[in-house]
Structures are given as C-alpha cells and as structure tokens.
Amino acid sequence: MGTIDEQGQLTLDQPLVLDRNSRVEVIVLIPETTDDDEPSQADLLGDFKQAWHEAMTGQTIPVSQLWEGLEND
C-alpha cells in the first residue's frame, strides 16, 4: 500500500525488501470513489462475523417477531 501526494509521487507504506538499485514494475490500483456513508469492507466483514456468531450460538429471533408492530405502518 502507498500514497500518492500532490505532486504525483508515490510513497510506500513500508520499504520493499529486494536488491538495491533494482528496477521494478508498479501496478497502481485506484479505488473507486465511495460515499462516506458506505461501510468499509472491514465493517461489513465485522458485521458478518457477528451475525454468523449469533446464528451459530442460537441468538436469533423468529422472523414473525421481526414484523410485530410493523404490520400497520
């Protein structure tokens, strides 16, 4: 991972471990712009892990209970 500054220079988060003065080929993947409201992949994975844990440990409620109180809205 790295950052591109205002001058277009690439700065790596960590140094590369290879022979000095070696030429390298760089592929830059630019993430799509996203709204700040969209959850990150880490957030989604955390939510999934929590839901999976709850499902596997029986911490669930019937679907019919989910609809209670919403039927007349």
PDB file of N, CA and C in Angstrom:
ATOM      1  N   MET A   1       0.845  -1.166   0.000  1.00  0.00           N
ATOM      2  CA  MET A   1       0.000   0.000   0.000  1.00  0.00           C
ATOM      3  C   MET A   1       0.890   1.228   0.000  1.00  0.00           C
ATOM      4  N   GLY A   2       0.342   2.318  -0.469  1.00  0.00           N
ATOM      5  CA  GLY A   2       1.082   3.560  -0.504  1.00  0.00           C
ATOM      6  C   GLY A   2       0.152   4.732  -0.717  1.00  0.00           C
ATOM      7  N   THR A   3       0.766   5.904  -0.849  1.00  0.00           N
ATOM      8  CA  THR A   3       0.018   7.139  -1.004  1.00  0.00           C
ATOM      9  C   THR A   3       0.616   7.939  -2.153  1.00  0.00           C
ATOM     10  N   ILE A   4      -0.242   8.585  -2.922  1.00  0.00           N
ATOM     11  CA  ILE A   4       0.219   9.477  -3.979  1.00  0.00           C
ATOM     12  C   ILE A   4       0.001  10.898  -3.484  1.00  0.00           C
ATOM     13  N   ASP A   5       1.084  11.692  -3.462  1.00  0.00           N
ATOM     14  CA  ASP A   5       0.977  13.054  -2.931  1.00  0.00           C
ATOM     15  C   ASP A   5       0.520  14.032  -4.011  1.00  0.00           C
ATOM     16  N   GLU A   6       0.504  15.327  -3.655  1.00  0.00           N
ATOM     17  CA  GLU A   6       0.019  16.375  -4.559  1.00  0.00           C
ATOM     18  C   GLU A   6       0.854  16.490  -5.834  1.00  0.00           C
ATOM     19  N   GLN A   7       2.121  16.094  -5.763  1.00  0.00           N
ATOM     20  CA  GLN A   7       2.996  16.160  -6.943  1.00  0.00           C
ATOM     21  C   GLN A   7       2.962  14.877  -7.770  1.00  0.00           C
ATOM     22  N   GLY A   8       2.120  13.913  -7.363  1.00  0.00           N
ATOM     23  CA  GLY A   8       2.009  12.663  -8.103  1.00  0.00           C
ATOM     24  C   GLY A   8       3.083  11.654  -7.734  1.00  0.00           C
ATOM     25  N   GLN A   9       3.816  11.896  -6.661  1.00  0.00           N
ATOM     26  CA  GLN A   9       4.861  10.977  -6.229  1.00  0.00           C
ATOM     27  C   GLN A   9       4.262   9.879  -5.361  1.00  0.00           C
ATOM     28  N   LEU A  10       4.715   8.666  -5.574  1.00  0.00           N
ATOM     29  CA  LEU A  10       4.235   7.508  -4.834  1.00  0.00           C
ATOM     30  C   LEU A  10       5.141   7.262  -3.638  1.00  0.00           C
ATOM     31  N   THR A  11       4.548   7.162  -2.444  1.00  0.00           N
ATOM     32  CA  THR A  11       5.276   6.832  -1.226  1.00  0.00           C
ATOM     33  C   THR A  11       4.694   5.545  -0.673  1.00  0.00           C
ATOM     34  N   LEU A  12       5.556   4.547  -0.496  1.00  0.00           N
ATOM     35  CA  LEU A  12       5.099   3.255   0.009  1.00  0.00           C
ATOM     36  C   LEU A  12       4.967   3.291   1.521  1.00  0.00           C
ATOM     37  N   ASP A  13       3.998   2.558   2.044  1.00  0.00           N
ATOM     38  CA  ASP A  13       3.802   2.483   3.493  1.00  0.00           C
ATOM     39  C   ASP A  13       4.964   1.774   4.179  1.00  0.00           C
ATOM     40  N   GLN A  14       5.554   0.805   3.502  1.00  0.00           N
ATOM     41  CA  GLN A  14       6.686   0.051   4.041  1.00  0.00           C
ATOM     42  C   GLN A  14       7.733  -0.108   2.948  1.00  0.00           C
ATOM     43  N   PRO A  15       9.001  -0.148   3.320  1.00  0.00           N
ATOM     44  CA  PRO A  15      10.040  -0.320   2.301  1.00  0.00           C
ATOM     45  C   PRO A  15       9.969  -1.702   1.664  1.00  0.00           C
ATOM     46  N   LEU A  16      10.399  -1.763   0.402  1.00  0.00           N
ATOM     47  CA  LEU A  16      10.462  -3.045  -0.293  1.00  0.00           C
ATOM     48  C   LEU A  16      11.730  -3.773   0.136  1.00  0.00           C
ATOM     49  N   VAL A  17      11.632  -5.088   0.288  1.00  0.00           N
ATOM     50  CA  VAL A  17      12.792  -5.885   0.662  1.00  0.00           C
ATOM     51  C   VAL A  17      13.285  -6.607  -0.589  1.00  0.00           C
ATOM     52  N   LEU A  18      14.204  -5.965  -1.318  1.00  0.00           N
ATOM     53  CA  LEU A  18      14.812  -6.563  -2.501  1.00  0.00           C
ATOM     54  C   LEU A  18      16.171  -5.946  -2.737  1.00  0.00           C
ATOM     55  N   ASP A  19      16.856  -6.468  -3.745  1.00  0.00           N
ATOM     56  CA  ASP A  19      18.177  -5.947  -4.065  1.00  0.00           C
ATOM     57  C   ASP A  19      18.086  -4.464  -4.371  1.00  0.00           C
ATOM     58  N   ARG A  20      19.063  -3.721  -3.884  1.00  0.00           N
ATOM     59  CA  ARG A  20      19.104  -2.279  -4.147  1.00  0.00           C
ATOM     60  C   ARG A  20      19.362  -2.038  -5.622  1.00  0.00           C
ATOM     61  N   ASN A  21      18.947  -0.878  -6.078  1.00  0.00           N
ATOM     62  CA  ASN A  21      19.139  -0.446  -7.458  1.00  0.00           C
ATOM     63  C   ASN A  21      18.510  -1.401  -8.468  1.00  0.00           C
ATOM     64  N   SER A  22      17.441  -2.084  -8.058  1.00  0.00           N
ATOM     65  CA  SER A  22      16.707  -2.963  -8.973  1.00  0.00           C
ATOM     66  C   SER A  22      15.566  -2.177  -9.587  1.00  0.00           C
ATOM     67  N   ARG A  23      15.298  -2.447 -10.830  1.00  0.00           N
ATOM     68  CA  ARG A  23      14.120  -1.853 -11.455  1.00  0.00           C
ATOM     69  C   ARG A  23      12.917  -2.681 -11.057  1.00  0.00           C
ATOM     70  N   VAL A  24      11.795  -2.018 -10.890  1.00  0.00           N
ATOM     71  CA  VAL A  24      10.563  -2.708 -10.530  1.00  0.00           C
ATOM     72  C   VAL A  24       9.459  -2.257 -11.464  1.00  0.00           C
ATOM     73  N   GLU A  25       8.445  -3.066 -11.557  1.00  0.00           N
ATOM     74  CA  GLU A  25       7.255  -2.715 -12.315  1.00  0.00           C
ATOM     75  C   GLU A  25       6.152  -2.467 -11.299  1.00  0.00           C
ATOM     76  N   VAL A  26       5.481  -1.340 -11.413  1.00  0.00           N
ATOM     77  CA  VAL A  26       4.471  -0.948 -10.435  1.00  0.00           C
ATOM     78  C   VAL A  26       3.102  -0.946 -11.102  1.00  0.00           C
ATOM     79  N   ILE A  27       2.150  -1.568 -10.450  1.00  0.00           N
ATOM     80  CA  ILE A  27       0.757  -1.541 -10.890  1.00  0.00           C
ATOM     81  C   ILE A  27      -0.009  -0.759  -9.830  1.00  0.00           C
ATOM     82  N   VAL A  28      -0.661   0.311 -10.226  1.00  0.00           N
ATOM     83  CA  VAL A  28      -1.390   1.153  -9.291  1.00  0.00           C
ATOM     84  C   VAL A  28      -2.874   0.863  -9.431  1.00  0.00           C
ATOM     85  N   LEU A  29      -3.497   0.444  -8.339  1.00  0.00           N
ATOM     86  CA  LEU A  29      -4.936   0.208  -8.309  1.00  0.00           C
ATOM     87  C   LEU A  29      -5.566   1.383  -7.586  1.00  0.00           C
ATOM     88  N   ILE A  30      -6.403   2.116  -8.272  1.00  0.00           N
ATOM     89  CA  ILE A  30      -7.044   3.289  -7.702  1.00  0.00           C
ATOM     90  C   ILE A  30      -8.455   2.896  -7.282  1.00  0.00           C
ATOM     91  N   PRO A  31      -8.760   3.004  -5.978  1.00  0.00           N
ATOM     92  CA  PRO A  31     -10.101   2.603  -5.523  1.00  0.00           C
ATOM     93  C   PRO A  31     -11.164   3.525  -6.100  1.00  0.00           C
ATOM     94  N   GLU A  32     -12.343   2.949  -6.298  1.00  0.00           N
ATOM     95  CA  GLU A  32     -13.470   3.755  -6.748  1.00  0.00           C
ATOM     96  C   GLU A  32     -13.829   4.744  -5.663  1.00  0.00           C
ATOM     97  N   THR A  33     -14.292   5.901  -6.060  1.00  0.00           N
ATOM     98  CA  THR A  33     -14.734   6.859  -5.053  1.00  0.00           C
ATOM     99  C   THR A  33     -16.011   6.338  -4.429  1.00  0.00           C
ATOM    100  N   THR A  34     -16.087   6.472  -3.124  1.00  0.00           N
ATOM    101  CA  THR A  34     -17.266   5.991  -2.408  1.00  0.00           C
ATOM    102  C   THR A  34     -17.791   7.103  -1.524  1.00  0.00           C
ATOM    103  N   ASP A  35     -19.059   7.016  -1.213  1.00  0.00           N
ATOM    104  CA  ASP A  35     -19.660   7.942  -0.273  1.00  0.00           C
ATOM    105  C   ASP A  35     -19.168   7.602   1.125  1.00  0.00           C
ATOM    106  N   ASP A  36     -19.080   8.601   1.975  1.00  0.00           N
ATOM    107  CA  ASP A  36     -18.657   8.366   3.348  1.00  0.00           C
ATOM    108  C   ASP A  36     -19.664   7.509   4.100  1.00  0.00           C
ATOM    109  N   ASP A  37     -20.901   7.448   3.604  1.00  0.00           N
ATOM    110  CA  ASP A  37     -21.942   6.679   4.280  1.00  0.00           C
ATOM    111  C   ASP A  37     -21.810   5.179   4.027  1.00  0.00           C
ATOM    112  N   GLU A  38     -21.059   4.793   2.999  1.00  0.00           N
ATOM    113  CA  GLU A  38     -20.932   3.381   2.680  1.00  0.00           C
ATOM    114  C   GLU A  38     -19.994   2.704   3.675  1.00  0.00           C
ATOM    115  N   PRO A  39     -20.367   1.526   4.178  1.00  0.00           N
ATOM    116  CA  PRO A  39     -19.493   0.832   5.109  1.00  0.00           C
ATOM    117  C   PRO A  39     -18.248   0.297   4.408  1.00  0.00           C
ATOM    118  N   SER A  40     -17.159   0.227   5.123  1.00  0.00           N
ATOM    119  CA  SER A  40     -15.928  -0.312   4.558  1.00  0.00           C
ATOM    120  C   SER A  40     -16.018  -1.833   4.516  1.00  0.00           C
ATOM    121  N   GLN A  41     -15.097  -2.444   3.793  1.00  0.00           N
ATOM    122  CA  GLN A  41     -15.073  -3.897   3.721  1.00  0.00           C
ATOM    123  C   GLN A  41     -14.822  -4.484   5.102  1.00  0.00           C
ATOM    124  N   ALA A  42     -13.990  -3.822   5.898  1.00  0.00           N
ATOM    125  CA  ALA A  42     -13.725  -4.292   7.261  1.00  0.00           C
ATOM    126  C   ALA A  42     -14.996  -4.233   8.105  1.00  0.00           C
ATOM    127  N   ASP A  43     -15.785  -3.163   7.947  1.00  0.00           N
ATOM    128  CA  ASP A  43     -17.045  -3.051   8.684  1.00  0.00           C
ATOM    129  C   ASP A  43     -18.007  -4.170   8.292  1.00  0.00           C
ATOM    130  N   LEU A  44     -18.119  -4.415   6.992  1.00  0.00           N
ATOM    131  CA  LEU A  44     -19.015  -5.467   6.514  1.00  0.00           C
ATOM    132  C   LEU A  44     -18.580  -6.834   7.025  1.00  0.00           C
ATOM    133  N   LEU A  45     -17.274  -7.089   7.005  1.00  0.00           N
ATOM    134  CA  LEU A  45     -16.769  -8.368   7.490  1.00  0.00           C
ATOM    135  C   LEU A  45     -17.038  -8.520   8.981  1.00  0.00           C
ATOM    136  N   GLY A  46     -16.855  -7.453   9.749  1.00  0.00           N
ATOM    137  CA  GLY A  46     -17.144  -7.495  11.176  1.00  0.00           C
ATOM    138  C   GLY A  46     -18.610  -7.773  11.453  1.00  0.00           C
ATOM    139  N   ASP A  47     -19.491  -7.119  10.686  1.00  0.00           N
ATOM    140  CA  ASP A  47     -20.932  -7.355  10.838  1.00  0.00           C
ATOM    141  C   ASP A  47     -21.294  -8.800  10.516  1.00  0.00           C
ATOM    142  N   PHE A  48     -20.679  -9.331   9.436  1.00  0.00           N
ATOM    143  CA  PHE A  48     -20.954 -10.715   9.048  1.00  0.00           C
ATOM    144  C   PHE A  48     -20.482 -11.680  10.129  1.00  0.00           C
ATOM    145  N   LYS A  49     -19.290 -11.449  10.667  1.00  0.00           N
ATOM    146  CA  LYS A  49     -18.773 -12.341  11.708  1.00  0.00           C
ATOM    147  C   LYS A  49     -19.685 -12.329  12.932  1.00  0.00           C
ATOM    148  N   GLN A  50     -20.168 -11.152  13.297  1.00  0.00           N
ATOM    149  CA  GLN A  50     -21.079 -11.039  14.444  1.00  0.00           C
ATOM    150  C   GLN A  50     -22.380 -11.784  14.177  1.00  0.00           C
ATOM    151  N   ALA A  51     -22.945 -11.582  12.981  1.00  0.00           N
ATOM    152  CA  ALA A  51     -24.194 -12.257  12.624  1.00  0.00           C
ATOM    153  C   ALA A  51     -24.005 -13.771  12.586  1.00  0.00           C
ATOM    154  N   TRP A  52     -22.876 -14.223  12.038  1.00  0.00           N
ATOM    155  CA  TRP A  52     -22.601 -15.663  11.961  1.00  0.00           C
ATOM    156  C   TRP A  52     -22.483 -16.246  13.372  1.00  0.00           C
ATOM    157  N   HIS A  53     -21.783 -15.540  14.249  1.00  0.00           N
ATOM    158  CA  HIS A  53     -21.638 -15.994  15.634  1.00  0.00           C
ATOM    159  C   HIS A  53     -23.011 -16.111  16.307  1.00  0.00           C
ATOM    160  N   GLU A  54     -23.844 -15.095  16.127  1.00  0.00           N
ATOM    161  CA  GLU A  54     -25.174 -15.117  16.723  1.00  0.00           C
ATOM    162  C   GLU A  54     -26.007 -16.270  16.176  1.00  0.00           C
ATOM    163  N   ALA A  55     -25.926 -16.512  14.877  1.00  0.00           N
ATOM    164  CA  ALA A  55     -26.686 -17.609  14.274  1.00  0.00           C
ATOM    165  C   ALA A  55     -26.194 -18.959  14.786  1.00  0.00           C
ATOM    166  N   MET A  56     -24.884 -19.118  14.901  1.00  0.00           N
ATOM    167  CA  MET A  56     -24.323 -20.399  15.329  1.00  0.00           C
ATOM    168  C   MET A  56     -24.541 -20.665  16.813  1.00  0.00           C
ATOM    169  N   THR A  57     -24.745 -19.625  17.611  1.00  0.00           N
ATOM    170  CA  THR A  57     -24.950 -19.809  19.049  1.00  0.00           C
ATOM    171  C   THR A  57     -26.419 -19.699  19.446  1.00  0.00           C
ATOM    172  N   GLY A  58     -27.315 -19.663  18.443  1.00  0.00           N
ATOM    173  CA  GLY A  58     -28.747 -19.661  18.723  1.00  0.00           C
ATOM    174  C   GLY A  58     -29.291 -18.329  19.192  1.00  0.00           C
ATOM    175  N   GLN A  59     -28.557 -17.263  18.981  1.00  0.00           N
ATOM    176  CA  GLN A  59     -29.013 -15.934  19.404  1.00  0.00           C
ATOM    177  C   GLN A  59     -29.842 -15.296  18.283  1.00  0.00           C
ATOM    178  N   THR A  60     -30.944 -15.952  17.949  1.00  0.00           N
ATOM    179  CA  THR A  60     -31.784 -15.490  16.850  1.00  0.00           C
ATOM    180  C   THR A  60     -33.206 -15.277  17.346  1.00  0.00           C
ATOM    181  N   ILE A  61     -33.997 -14.572  16.548  1.00  0.00           N
ATOM    182  CA  ILE A  61     -35.417 -14.398  16.853  1.00  0.00           C
ATOM    183  C   ILE A  61     -36.206 -14.797  15.613  1.00  0.00           C
ATOM    184  N   PRO A  62     -37.428 -15.292  15.807  1.00  0.00           N
ATOM    185  CA  PRO A  62     -38.237 -15.693  14.655  1.00  0.00           C
ATOM    186  C   PRO A  62     -38.556 -14.498  13.751  1.00  0.00           C
ATOM    187  N   VAL A  63     -38.669 -14.752  12.472  1.00  0.00           N
ATOM    188  CA  VAL A  63     -38.998 -13.705  11.511  1.00  0.00           C
ATOM    189  C   VAL A  63     -40.340 -13.075  11.842  1.00  0.00           C
ATOM    190  N   SER A  64     -41.283 -13.880  12.299  1.00  0.00           N
ATOM    191  CA  SER A  64     -42.607 -13.342  12.641  1.00  0.00           C
ATOM    192  C   SER A  64     -42.499 -12.263  13.714  1.00  0.00           C
ATOM    193  N   GLN A  65     -41.553 -12.406  14.611  1.00  0.00           N
ATOM    194  CA  GLN A  65     -41.358 -11.412  15.660  1.00  0.00           C
ATOM    195  C   GLN A  65     -40.783 -10.110  15.092  1.00  0.00           C
ATOM    196  N   LEU A  66     -40.009 -10.220  14.034  1.00  0.00           N
ATOM    197  CA  LEU A  66     -39.460  -9.026  13.394  1.00  0.00           C
ATOM    198  C   LEU A  66     -40.561  -8.132  12.842  1.00  0.00           C
ATOM    199  N   TRP A  67     -41.653  -8.739  12.371  1.00  0.00           N
ATOM    200  CA  TRP A  67     -42.736  -7.993  11.749  1.00  0.00           C
ATOM    201  C   TRP A  67     -43.718  -7.399  12.743  1.00  0.00           C
ATOM    202  N   GLU A  68     -43.652  -7.851  14.013  1.00  0.00           N
ATOM    203  CA  GLU A  68     -44.585  -7.346  15.015  1.00  0.00           C
ATOM    204  C   GLU A  68     -44.443  -5.830  15.138  1.00  0.00           C
ATOM    205  N   GLY A  69     -45.551  -5.143  15.106  1.00  0.00           N
ATOM    206  CA  GLY A  69     -45.545  -3.700  15.226  1.00  0.00           C
ATOM    207  C   GLY A  69     -45.308  -2.965  13.925  1.00  0.00           C
ATOM    208  N   LEU A  70     -44.899  -3.674  12.885  1.00  0.00           N
ATOM    209  CA  LEU A  70     -44.663  -3.042  11.590  1.00  0.00           C
ATOM    210  C   LEU A  70     -45.825  -3.261  10.618  1.00  0.00           C
ATOM    211  N   GLU A  71     -46.709  -4.180  10.948  1.00  0.00           N
ATOM    212  CA  GLU A  71     -47.779  -4.546  10.030  1.00  0.00           C
ATOM    213  C   GLU A  71     -48.731  -3.401   9.737  1.00  0.00           C
ATOM    214  N   ASN A  72     -48.931  -2.485  10.658  1.00  0.00           N
ATOM    215  CA  ASN A  72     -49.878  -1.406  10.461  1.00  0.00           C
ATOM    216  C   ASN A  72     -49.217  -0.092  10.031  1.00  0.00           C
ATOM    217  N   ASP A  73     -47.913  -0.114   9.773  1.00  0.00           N
ATOM    218  CA  ASP A  73     -47.218   1.114   9.370  1.00  0.00           C
ATOM    219  C   ASP A  73     -47.418   1.421   7.900  1.00  0.00           C
TER     220      ASP A  73
END
